[in-house]
Amino acid sequence: ADTIKNILPEERLDIKFKVVGENKRVLVITPH
């Protein structure tokens, strides 16, 4: 979604996935 930020609605839920291990992920969740 970051590639089309210019057309995204102001109100939305952003979730960033970060790989921190073979099966482990940290999800950074930002509500707008």
PDB file of all heavy atoms in Angstrom:
ATOM      1  N   ALA A   1       0.800  -1.226   0.000  1.00  0.00           N
ATOM      2  CA  ALA A   1       0.000   0.000   0.000  1.00  0.00           C
ATOM      3  C   ALA A   1       0.834   1.279   0.000  1.00  0.00           C
ATOM      4  O   ALA A   1       0.383   2.306  -0.509  1.00  0.00           O
ATOM      5  CB  ALA A   1      -0.952   0.001   1.201  1.00  0.00           C
ATOM      6  N   ASP A   2       2.034   1.226   0.552  1.00  0.00           N
ATOM      7  CA  ASP A   2       2.879   2.436   0.569  1.00  0.00           C
ATOM      8  C   ASP A   2       3.138   2.985  -0.827  1.00  0.00           C
ATOM      9  O   ASP A   2       3.394   4.174  -0.989  1.00  0.00           O
ATOM     10  CB  ASP A   2       4.224   2.163   1.259  1.00  0.00           C
ATOM     11  CG  ASP A   2       4.143   2.272   2.772  1.00  0.00           C
ATOM     12  OD1 ASP A   2       3.081   2.690   3.293  1.00  0.00           O
ATOM     13  OD2 ASP A   2       5.141   1.928   3.429  1.00  0.00           O
ATOM     14  N   THR A   3       3.064   2.117  -1.844  1.00  0.00           N
ATOM     15  CA  THR A   3       3.359   2.589  -3.203  1.00  0.00           C
ATOM     16  C   THR A   3       2.244   3.463  -3.771  1.00  0.00           C
ATOM     17  O   THR A   3       2.457   4.128  -4.787  1.00  0.00           O
ATOM     18  CB  THR A   3       3.621   1.410  -4.167  1.00  0.00           C
ATOM     19  OG1 THR A   3       2.436   0.627  -4.273  1.00  0.00           O
ATOM     20  CG2 THR A   3       4.783   0.554  -3.693  1.00  0.00           C
ATOM     21  N   ILE A   4       1.065   3.459  -3.122  1.00  0.00           N
ATOM     22  CA  ILE A   4      -0.048   4.305  -3.606  1.00  0.00           C
ATOM     23  C   ILE A   4      -0.568   5.226  -2.498  1.00  0.00           C
ATOM     24  O   ILE A   4      -1.755   5.565  -2.469  1.00  0.00           O
ATOM     25  CB  ILE A   4      -1.193   3.455  -4.202  1.00  0.00           C
ATOM     26  CG1 ILE A   4      -1.775   2.495  -3.158  1.00  0.00           C
ATOM     27  CG2 ILE A   4      -0.742   2.721  -5.456  1.00  0.00           C
ATOM     28  CD1 ILE A   4      -3.117   1.906  -3.547  1.00  0.00           C
ATOM     29  N   LYS A   5       0.311   5.614  -1.596  1.00  0.00           N
ATOM     30  CA  LYS A   5      -0.085   6.455  -0.455  1.00  0.00           C
ATOM     31  C   LYS A   5      -0.892   7.678  -0.863  1.00  0.00           C
ATOM     32  O   LYS A   5      -1.773   8.116  -0.146  1.00  0.00           O
ATOM     33  CB  LYS A   5       1.156   6.910   0.320  1.00  0.00           C
ATOM     34  CG  LYS A   5       1.394   6.139   1.565  1.00  0.00           C
ATOM     35  CD  LYS A   5       2.505   6.769   2.372  1.00  0.00           C
ATOM     36  CE  LYS A   5       2.593   6.049   3.691  1.00  0.00           C
ATOM     37  NZ  LYS A   5       3.742   6.388   4.469  1.00  0.00           N
ATOM     38  N   ASN A   6      -0.603   8.216  -2.024  1.00  0.00           N
ATOM     39  CA  ASN A   6      -1.259   9.455  -2.462  1.00  0.00           C
ATOM     40  C   ASN A   6      -2.759   9.303  -2.688  1.00  0.00           C
ATOM     41  O   ASN A   6      -3.478  10.298  -2.687  1.00  0.00           O
ATOM     42  CB  ASN A   6      -0.590   9.998  -3.735  1.00  0.00           C
ATOM     43  CG  ASN A   6      -0.637   9.006  -4.894  1.00  0.00           C
ATOM     44  OD1 ASN A   6      -0.510   7.802  -4.703  1.00  0.00           O
ATOM     45  ND2 ASN A   6      -0.809   9.516  -6.090  1.00  0.00           N
ATOM     46  N   ILE A   7      -3.267   8.082  -2.874  1.00  0.00           N
ATOM     47  CA  ILE A   7      -4.707   7.920  -3.086  1.00  0.00           C
ATOM     48  C   ILE A   7      -5.404   7.186  -1.937  1.00  0.00           C
ATOM     49  O   ILE A   7      -6.619   7.004  -1.974  1.00  0.00           O
ATOM     50  CB  ILE A   7      -5.029   7.207  -4.424  1.00  0.00           C
ATOM     51  CG1 ILE A   7      -4.571   5.759  -4.397  1.00  0.00           C
ATOM     52  CG2 ILE A   7      -4.463   7.980  -5.605  1.00  0.00           C
ATOM     53  CD1 ILE A   7      -5.205   4.909  -5.479  1.00  0.00           C
ATOM     54  N   LEU A   8      -4.657   6.791  -0.919  1.00  0.00           N
ATOM     55  CA  LEU A   8      -5.265   6.059   0.195  1.00  0.00           C
ATOM     56  C   LEU A   8      -6.155   6.986   1.015  1.00  0.00           C
ATOM     57  O   LEU A   8      -5.835   8.159   1.209  1.00  0.00           O
ATOM     58  CB  LEU A   8      -4.190   5.465   1.107  1.00  0.00           C
ATOM     59  CG  LEU A   8      -3.341   4.356   0.508  1.00  0.00           C
ATOM     60  CD1 LEU A   8      -2.251   3.944   1.492  1.00  0.00           C
ATOM     61  CD2 LEU A   8      -4.196   3.164   0.124  1.00  0.00           C
ATOM     62  N   PRO A   9      -7.275   6.454   1.520  1.00  0.00           N
ATOM     63  CA  PRO A   9      -8.128   7.278   2.381  1.00  0.00           C
ATOM     64  C   PRO A   9      -7.404   7.624   3.680  1.00  0.00           C
ATOM     65  O   PRO A   9      -6.554   6.861   4.147  1.00  0.00           O
ATOM     66  CB  PRO A   9      -9.331   6.387   2.663  1.00  0.00           C
ATOM     67  CG  PRO A   9      -9.100   5.095   2.006  1.00  0.00           C
ATOM     68  CD  PRO A   9      -7.799   5.119   1.313  1.00  0.00           C
ATOM     69  N   GLU A  10      -7.748   8.762   4.254  1.00  0.00           N
ATOM     70  CA  GLU A  10      -7.139   9.158   5.521  1.00  0.00           C
ATOM     71  C   GLU A  10      -7.432   8.144   6.605  1.00  0.00           C
ATOM     72  O   GLU A  10      -6.581   7.843   7.430  1.00  0.00           O
ATOM     73  CB  GLU A  10      -7.656  10.534   5.953  1.00  0.00           C
ATOM     74  CG  GLU A  10      -6.996  11.680   5.247  1.00  0.00           C
ATOM     75  CD  GLU A  10      -7.437  13.016   5.807  1.00  0.00           C
ATOM     76  OE1 GLU A  10      -7.643  13.132   7.039  1.00  0.00           O
ATOM     77  OE2 GLU A  10      -7.571  13.956   5.001  1.00  0.00           O
ATOM     78  N   GLU A  11      -8.671   7.641   6.645  1.00  0.00           N
ATOM     79  CA  GLU A  11      -9.057   6.663   7.654  1.00  0.00           C
ATOM     80  C   GLU A  11      -8.815   5.264   7.111  1.00  0.00           C
ATOM     81  O   GLU A  11      -9.390   4.858   6.105  1.00  0.00           O
ATOM     82  CB  GLU A  11     -10.524   6.855   8.049  1.00  0.00           C
ATOM     83  CG  GLU A  11     -10.739   8.169   8.757  1.00  0.00           C
ATOM     84  CD  GLU A  11     -12.054   8.219   9.516  1.00  0.00           C
ATOM     85  OE1 GLU A  11     -12.760   7.191   9.599  1.00  0.00           O
ATOM     86  OE2 GLU A  11     -12.361   9.303  10.025  1.00  0.00           O
ATOM     87  N   ARG A  12      -7.921   4.543   7.818  1.00  0.00           N
ATOM     88  CA  ARG A  12      -7.537   3.204   7.383  1.00  0.00           C
ATOM     89  C   ARG A  12      -6.704   2.557   8.488  1.00  0.00           C
ATOM     90  O   ARG A  12      -6.344   3.208   9.463  1.00  0.00           O
ATOM     91  CB  ARG A  12      -6.733   3.268   6.092  1.00  0.00           C
ATOM     92  CG  ARG A  12      -5.401   3.990   6.259  1.00  0.00           C
ATOM     93  CD  ARG A  12      -4.651   4.139   4.957  1.00  0.00           C
ATOM     94  NE  ARG A  12      -3.298   4.590   5.175  1.00  0.00           N
ATOM     95  CZ  ARG A  12      -2.935   5.863   5.268  1.00  0.00           C
ATOM     96  NH1 ARG A  12      -3.840   6.825   5.156  1.00  0.00           N
ATOM     97  NH2 ARG A  12      -1.674   6.191   5.466  1.00  0.00           N
ATOM     98  N   LEU A  13      -6.362   1.296   8.280  1.00  0.00           N
ATOM     99  CA  LEU A  13      -5.490   0.578   9.193  1.00  0.00           C
ATOM    100  C   LEU A  13      -4.223   0.208   8.439  1.00  0.00           C
ATOM    101  O   LEU A  13      -4.299  -0.447   7.395  1.00  0.00           O
ATOM    102  CB  LEU A  13      -6.190  -0.686   9.714  1.00  0.00           C
ATOM    103  CG  LEU A  13      -5.444  -1.469  10.786  1.00  0.00           C
ATOM    104  CD1 LEU A  13      -5.369  -0.664  12.074  1.00  0.00           C
ATOM    105  CD2 LEU A  13      -6.135  -2.802  11.042  1.00  0.00           C
ATOM    106  N   ASP A  14      -3.081   0.633   8.945  1.00  0.00           N
ATOM    107  CA  ASP A  14      -1.791   0.282   8.344  1.00  0.00           C
ATOM    108  C   ASP A  14      -1.146  -0.824   9.168  1.00  0.00           C
ATOM    109  O   ASP A  14      -1.098  -0.728  10.399  1.00  0.00           O
ATOM    110  CB  ASP A  14      -0.845   1.486   8.319  1.00  0.00           C
ATOM    111  CG  ASP A  14      -1.265   2.549   7.318  1.00  0.00           C
ATOM    112  OD1 ASP A  14      -2.065   2.268   6.426  1.00  0.00           O
ATOM    113  OD2 ASP A  14      -0.765   3.694   7.438  1.00  0.00           O
ATOM    114  N   ILE A  15      -0.655  -1.850   8.489  1.00  0.00           N
ATOM    115  CA  ILE A  15       0.072  -2.931   9.169  1.00  0.00           C
ATOM    116  C   ILE A  15       1.381  -3.152   8.439  1.00  0.00           C
ATOM    117  O   ILE A  15       1.406  -3.467   7.251  1.00  0.00           O
ATOM    118  CB  ILE A  15      -0.739  -4.241   9.211  1.00  0.00           C
ATOM    119  CG1 ILE A  15      -2.107  -4.005   9.866  1.00  0.00           C
ATOM    120  CG2 ILE A  15       0.046  -5.323   9.953  1.00  0.00           C
ATOM    121  CD1 ILE A  15      -3.015  -5.219   9.877  1.00  0.00           C
ATOM    122  N   LYS A  16       2.481  -2.975   9.158  1.00  0.00           N
ATOM    123  CA  LYS A  16       3.833  -3.176   8.608  1.00  0.00           C
ATOM    124  C   LYS A  16       4.363  -4.496   9.139  1.00  0.00           C
ATOM    125  O   LYS A  16       4.397  -4.712  10.359  1.00  0.00           O
ATOM    126  CB  LYS A  16       4.730  -2.011   9.039  1.00  0.00           C
ATOM    127  CG  LYS A  16       6.182  -2.185   8.715  1.00  0.00           C
ATOM    128  CD  LYS A  16       6.504  -1.727   7.334  1.00  0.00           C
ATOM    129  CE  LYS A  16       8.014  -1.733   7.140  1.00  0.00           C
ATOM    130  NZ  LYS A  16       8.385  -1.712   5.771  1.00  0.00           N
ATOM    131  N   PHE A  17       4.745  -5.388   8.241  1.00  0.00           N
ATOM    132  CA  PHE A  17       5.283  -6.694   8.608  1.00  0.00           C
ATOM    133  C   PHE A  17       6.809  -6.634   8.601  1.00  0.00           C
ATOM    134  O   PHE A  17       7.402  -6.229   7.601  1.00  0.00           O
ATOM    135  CB  PHE A  17       4.833  -7.756   7.597  1.00  0.00           C
ATOM    136  CG  PHE A  17       3.370  -8.080   7.658  1.00  0.00           C
ATOM    137  CD1 PHE A  17       2.416  -7.188   7.175  1.00  0.00           C
ATOM    138  CD2 PHE A  17       2.945  -9.278   8.186  1.00  0.00           C
ATOM    139  CE1 PHE A  17       1.070  -7.487   7.223  1.00  0.00           C
ATOM    140  CE2 PHE A  17       1.593  -9.590   8.240  1.00  0.00           C
ATOM    141  CZ  PHE A  17       0.647  -8.690   7.763  1.00  0.00           C
ATOM    142  N   LYS A  18       7.420  -7.062   9.709  1.00  0.00           N
ATOM    143  CA  LYS A  18       8.877  -7.120   9.784  1.00  0.00           C
ATOM    144  C   LYS A  18       9.295  -8.549  10.092  1.00  0.00           C
ATOM    145  O   LYS A  18       8.821  -9.154  11.054  1.00  0.00           O
ATOM    146  CB  LYS A  18       9.399  -6.196  10.893  1.00  0.00           C
ATOM    147  CG  LYS A  18       9.145  -4.730  10.642  1.00  0.00           C
ATOM    148  CD  LYS A  18       9.709  -3.897  11.771  1.00  0.00           C
ATOM    149  CE  LYS A  18       9.422  -2.424  11.548  1.00  0.00           C
ATOM    150  NZ  LYS A  18       9.936  -1.596  12.648  1.00  0.00           N
ATOM    151  N   VAL A  19      10.186  -9.099   9.270  1.00  0.00           N
ATOM    152  CA  VAL A  19      10.707 -10.441   9.483  1.00  0.00           C
ATOM    153  C   VAL A  19      11.806 -10.347  10.540  1.00  0.00           C
ATOM    154  O   VAL A  19      12.765  -9.603  10.381  1.00  0.00           O
ATOM    155  CB  VAL A  19      11.281 -11.022   8.172  1.00  0.00           C
ATOM    156  CG1 VAL A  19      11.896 -12.390   8.411  1.00  0.00           C
ATOM    157  CG2 VAL A  19      10.209 -11.073   7.095  1.00  0.00           C
ATOM    158  N   VAL A  20      11.641 -11.107  11.632  1.00  0.00           N
ATOM    159  CA  VAL A  20      12.649 -11.094  12.699  1.00  0.00           C
ATOM    160  C   VAL A  20      13.192 -12.489  12.993  1.00  0.00           C
ATOM    161  O   VAL A  20      13.998 -12.662  13.901  1.00  0.00           O
ATOM    162  CB  VAL A  20      12.109 -10.429  13.997  1.00  0.00           C
ATOM    163  CG1 VAL A  20      11.851  -8.956  13.768  1.00  0.00           C
ATOM    164  CG2 VAL A  20      10.868 -11.128  14.507  1.00  0.00           C
ATOM    165  N   GLY A  21      12.763 -13.474  12.239  1.00  0.00           N
ATOM    166  CA  GLY A  21      13.230 -14.848  12.379  1.00  0.00           C
ATOM    167  C   GLY A  21      12.598 -15.680  11.286  1.00  0.00           C
ATOM    168  O   GLY A  21      11.757 -15.196  10.528  1.00  0.00           O
ATOM    169  N   GLU A  22      12.971 -16.948  11.223  1.00  0.00           N
ATOM    170  CA  GLU A  22      12.461 -17.803  10.147  1.00  0.00           C
ATOM    171  C   GLU A  22      10.932 -17.784  10.093  1.00  0.00           C
ATOM    172  O   GLU A  22      10.343 -17.660   9.026  1.00  0.00           O
ATOM    173  CB  GLU A  22      12.959 -19.235  10.331  1.00  0.00           C
ATOM    174  CG  GLU A  22      12.582 -20.126   9.180  1.00  0.00           C
ATOM    175  CD  GLU A  22      13.195 -21.516   9.291  1.00  0.00           C
ATOM    176  OE1 GLU A  22      14.247 -21.658   9.944  1.00  0.00           O
ATOM    177  OE2 GLU A  22      12.612 -22.443   8.714  1.00  0.00           O
ATOM    178  N   ASN A  23      10.273 -17.912  11.227  1.00  0.00           N
ATOM    179  CA  ASN A  23       8.807 -17.905  11.278  1.00  0.00           C
ATOM    180  C   ASN A  23       8.257 -16.756  12.110  1.00  0.00           C
ATOM    181  O   ASN A  23       7.048 -16.633  12.258  1.00  0.00           O
ATOM    182  CB  ASN A  23       8.291 -19.225  11.860  1.00  0.00           C
ATOM    183  CG  ASN A  23       8.623 -20.396  10.962  1.00  0.00           C
ATOM    184  OD1 ASN A  23       8.358 -20.360   9.767  1.00  0.00           O
ATOM    185  ND2 ASN A  23       9.230 -21.424  11.526  1.00  0.00           N
ATOM    186  N   LYS A  24       9.119 -15.947  12.659  1.00  0.00           N
ATOM    187  CA  LYS A  24       8.706 -14.888  13.579  1.00  0.00           C
ATOM    188  C   LYS A  24       8.579 -13.552  12.851  1.00  0.00           C
ATOM    189  O   LYS A  24       9.457 -13.167  12.079  1.00  0.00           O
ATOM    190  CB  LYS A  24       9.747 -14.776  14.700  1.00  0.00           C
ATOM    191  CG  LYS A  24       9.339 -13.944  15.864  1.00  0.00           C
ATOM    192  CD  LYS A  24      10.393 -14.066  16.955  1.00  0.00           C
ATOM    193  CE  LYS A  24       9.928 -13.423  18.216  1.00  0.00           C
ATOM    194  NZ  LYS A  24      10.877 -13.657  19.316  1.00  0.00           N
ATOM    195  N   ARG A  25       7.452 -12.866  13.106  1.00  0.00           N
ATOM    196  CA  ARG A  25       7.193 -11.562  12.501  1.00  0.00           C
ATOM    197  C   ARG A  25       6.761 -10.586  13.579  1.00  0.00           C
ATOM    198  O   ARG A  25       6.073 -10.954  14.526  1.00  0.00           O
ATOM    199  CB  ARG A  25       6.047 -11.640  11.465  1.00  0.00           C
ATOM    200  CG  ARG A  25       6.222 -12.693  10.385  1.00  0.00           C
ATOM    201  CD  ARG A  25       7.374 -12.378   9.446  1.00  0.00           C
ATOM    202  NE  ARG A  25       7.464 -13.286   8.332  1.00  0.00           N
ATOM    203  CZ  ARG A  25       8.317 -14.309   8.260  1.00  0.00           C
ATOM    204  NH1 ARG A  25       9.116 -14.583   9.278  1.00  0.00           N
ATOM    205  NH2 ARG A  25       8.381 -15.064   7.176  1.00  0.00           N
ATOM    206  N   VAL A  26       7.155  -9.336  13.414  1.00  0.00           N
ATOM    207  CA  VAL A  26       6.633  -8.265  14.241  1.00  0.00           C
ATOM    208  C   VAL A  26       5.732  -7.436  13.339  1.00  0.00           C
ATOM    209  O   VAL A  26       6.149  -6.991  12.274  1.00  0.00           O
ATOM    210  CB  VAL A  26       7.752  -7.388  14.850  1.00  0.00           C
ATOM    211  CG1 VAL A  26       7.160  -6.171  15.538  1.00  0.00           C
ATOM    212  CG2 VAL A  26       8.586  -8.200  15.833  1.00  0.00           C
ATOM    213  N   LEU A  27       4.494  -7.257  13.767  1.00  0.00           N
ATOM    214  CA  LEU A  27       3.532  -6.455  13.018  1.00  0.00           C
ATOM    215  C   LEU A  27       3.346  -5.144  13.752  1.00  0.00           C
ATOM    216  O   LEU A  27       3.007  -5.140  14.946  1.00  0.00           O
ATOM    217  CB  LEU A  27       2.192  -7.179  12.892  1.00  0.00           C
ATOM    218  CG  LEU A  27       2.118  -8.288  11.834  1.00  0.00           C
ATOM    219  CD1 LEU A  27       3.040  -9.439  12.147  1.00  0.00           C
ATOM    220  CD2 LEU A  27       0.705  -8.775  11.707  1.00  0.00           C
ATOM    221  N   VAL A  28       3.614  -4.055  13.059  1.00  0.00           N
ATOM    222  CA  VAL A  28       3.414  -2.721  13.616  1.00  0.00           C
ATOM    223  C   VAL A  28       2.094  -2.218  13.034  1.00  0.00           C
ATOM    224  O   VAL A  28       1.969  -2.032  11.832  1.00  0.00           O
ATOM    225  CB  VAL A  28       4.587  -1.786  13.270  1.00  0.00           C
ATOM    226  CG1 VAL A  28       4.344  -0.395  13.836  1.00  0.00           C
ATOM    227  CG2 VAL A  28       5.909  -2.365  13.775  1.00  0.00           C
ATOM    228  N   ILE A  29       1.127  -2.026  13.906  1.00  0.00           N
ATOM    229  CA  ILE A  29      -0.242  -1.707  13.495  1.00  0.00           C
ATOM    230  C   ILE A  29      -0.557  -0.271  13.877  1.00  0.00           C
ATOM    231  O   ILE A  29      -0.444   0.107  15.045  1.00  0.00           O
ATOM    232  CB  ILE A  29      -1.225  -2.687  14.162  1.00  0.00           C
ATOM    233  CG1 ILE A  29      -0.836  -4.122  13.767  1.00  0.00           C
ATOM    234  CG2 ILE A  29      -2.665  -2.357  13.785  1.00  0.00           C
ATOM    235  CD1 ILE A  29      -1.509  -5.194  14.586  1.00  0.00           C
ATOM    236  N   THR A  30      -0.933   0.523  12.882  1.00  0.00           N
ATOM    237  CA  THR A  30      -1.217   1.942  13.102  1.00  0.00           C
ATOM    238  C   THR A  30      -2.617   2.267  12.589  1.00  0.00           C
ATOM    239  O   THR A  30      -2.867   2.223  11.387  1.00  0.00           O
ATOM    240  CB  THR A  30      -0.184   2.823  12.366  1.00  0.00           C
ATOM    241  OG1 THR A  30       1.133   2.402  12.714  1.00  0.00           O
ATOM    242  CG2 THR A  30      -0.362   4.289  12.730  1.00  0.00           C
ATOM    243  N   PRO A  31      -3.535   2.583  13.522  1.00  0.00           N
ATOM    244  CA  PRO A  31      -4.875   2.983  13.094  1.00  0.00           C
ATOM    245  C   PRO A  31      -4.911   4.466  12.736  1.00  0.00           C
ATOM    246  O   PRO A  31      -4.260   5.281  13.384  1.00  0.00           O
ATOM    247  CB  PRO A  31      -5.726   2.711  14.339  1.00  0.00           C
ATOM    248  CG  PRO A  31      -4.789   2.849  15.486  1.00  0.00           C
ATOM    249  CD  PRO A  31      -3.427   2.446  14.972  1.00  0.00           C
ATOM    250  N   HIS A  32      -5.657   4.789  11.706  1.00  0.00           N
ATOM    251  CA  HIS A  32      -5.859   6.178  11.295  1.00  0.00           C
ATOM    252  C   HIS A  32      -7.364   6.438  11.321  1.00  0.00           C
ATOM    253  O   HIS A  32      -8.088   5.917  10.473  1.00  0.00           O
ATOM    254  CB  HIS A  32      -5.310   6.429   9.888  1.00  0.00           C
ATOM    255  CG  HIS A  32      -3.850   6.185   9.759  1.00  0.00           C
ATOM    256  ND1 HIS A  32      -2.912   7.118  10.134  1.00  0.00           N
ATOM    257  CD2 HIS A  32      -3.155   5.108   9.320  1.00  0.00           C
ATOM    258  CE1 HIS A  32      -1.702   6.630   9.914  1.00  0.00           C
ATOM    259  NE2 HIS A  32      -1.826   5.408   9.422  1.00  0.00           N
TER     260      HIS A  32
END
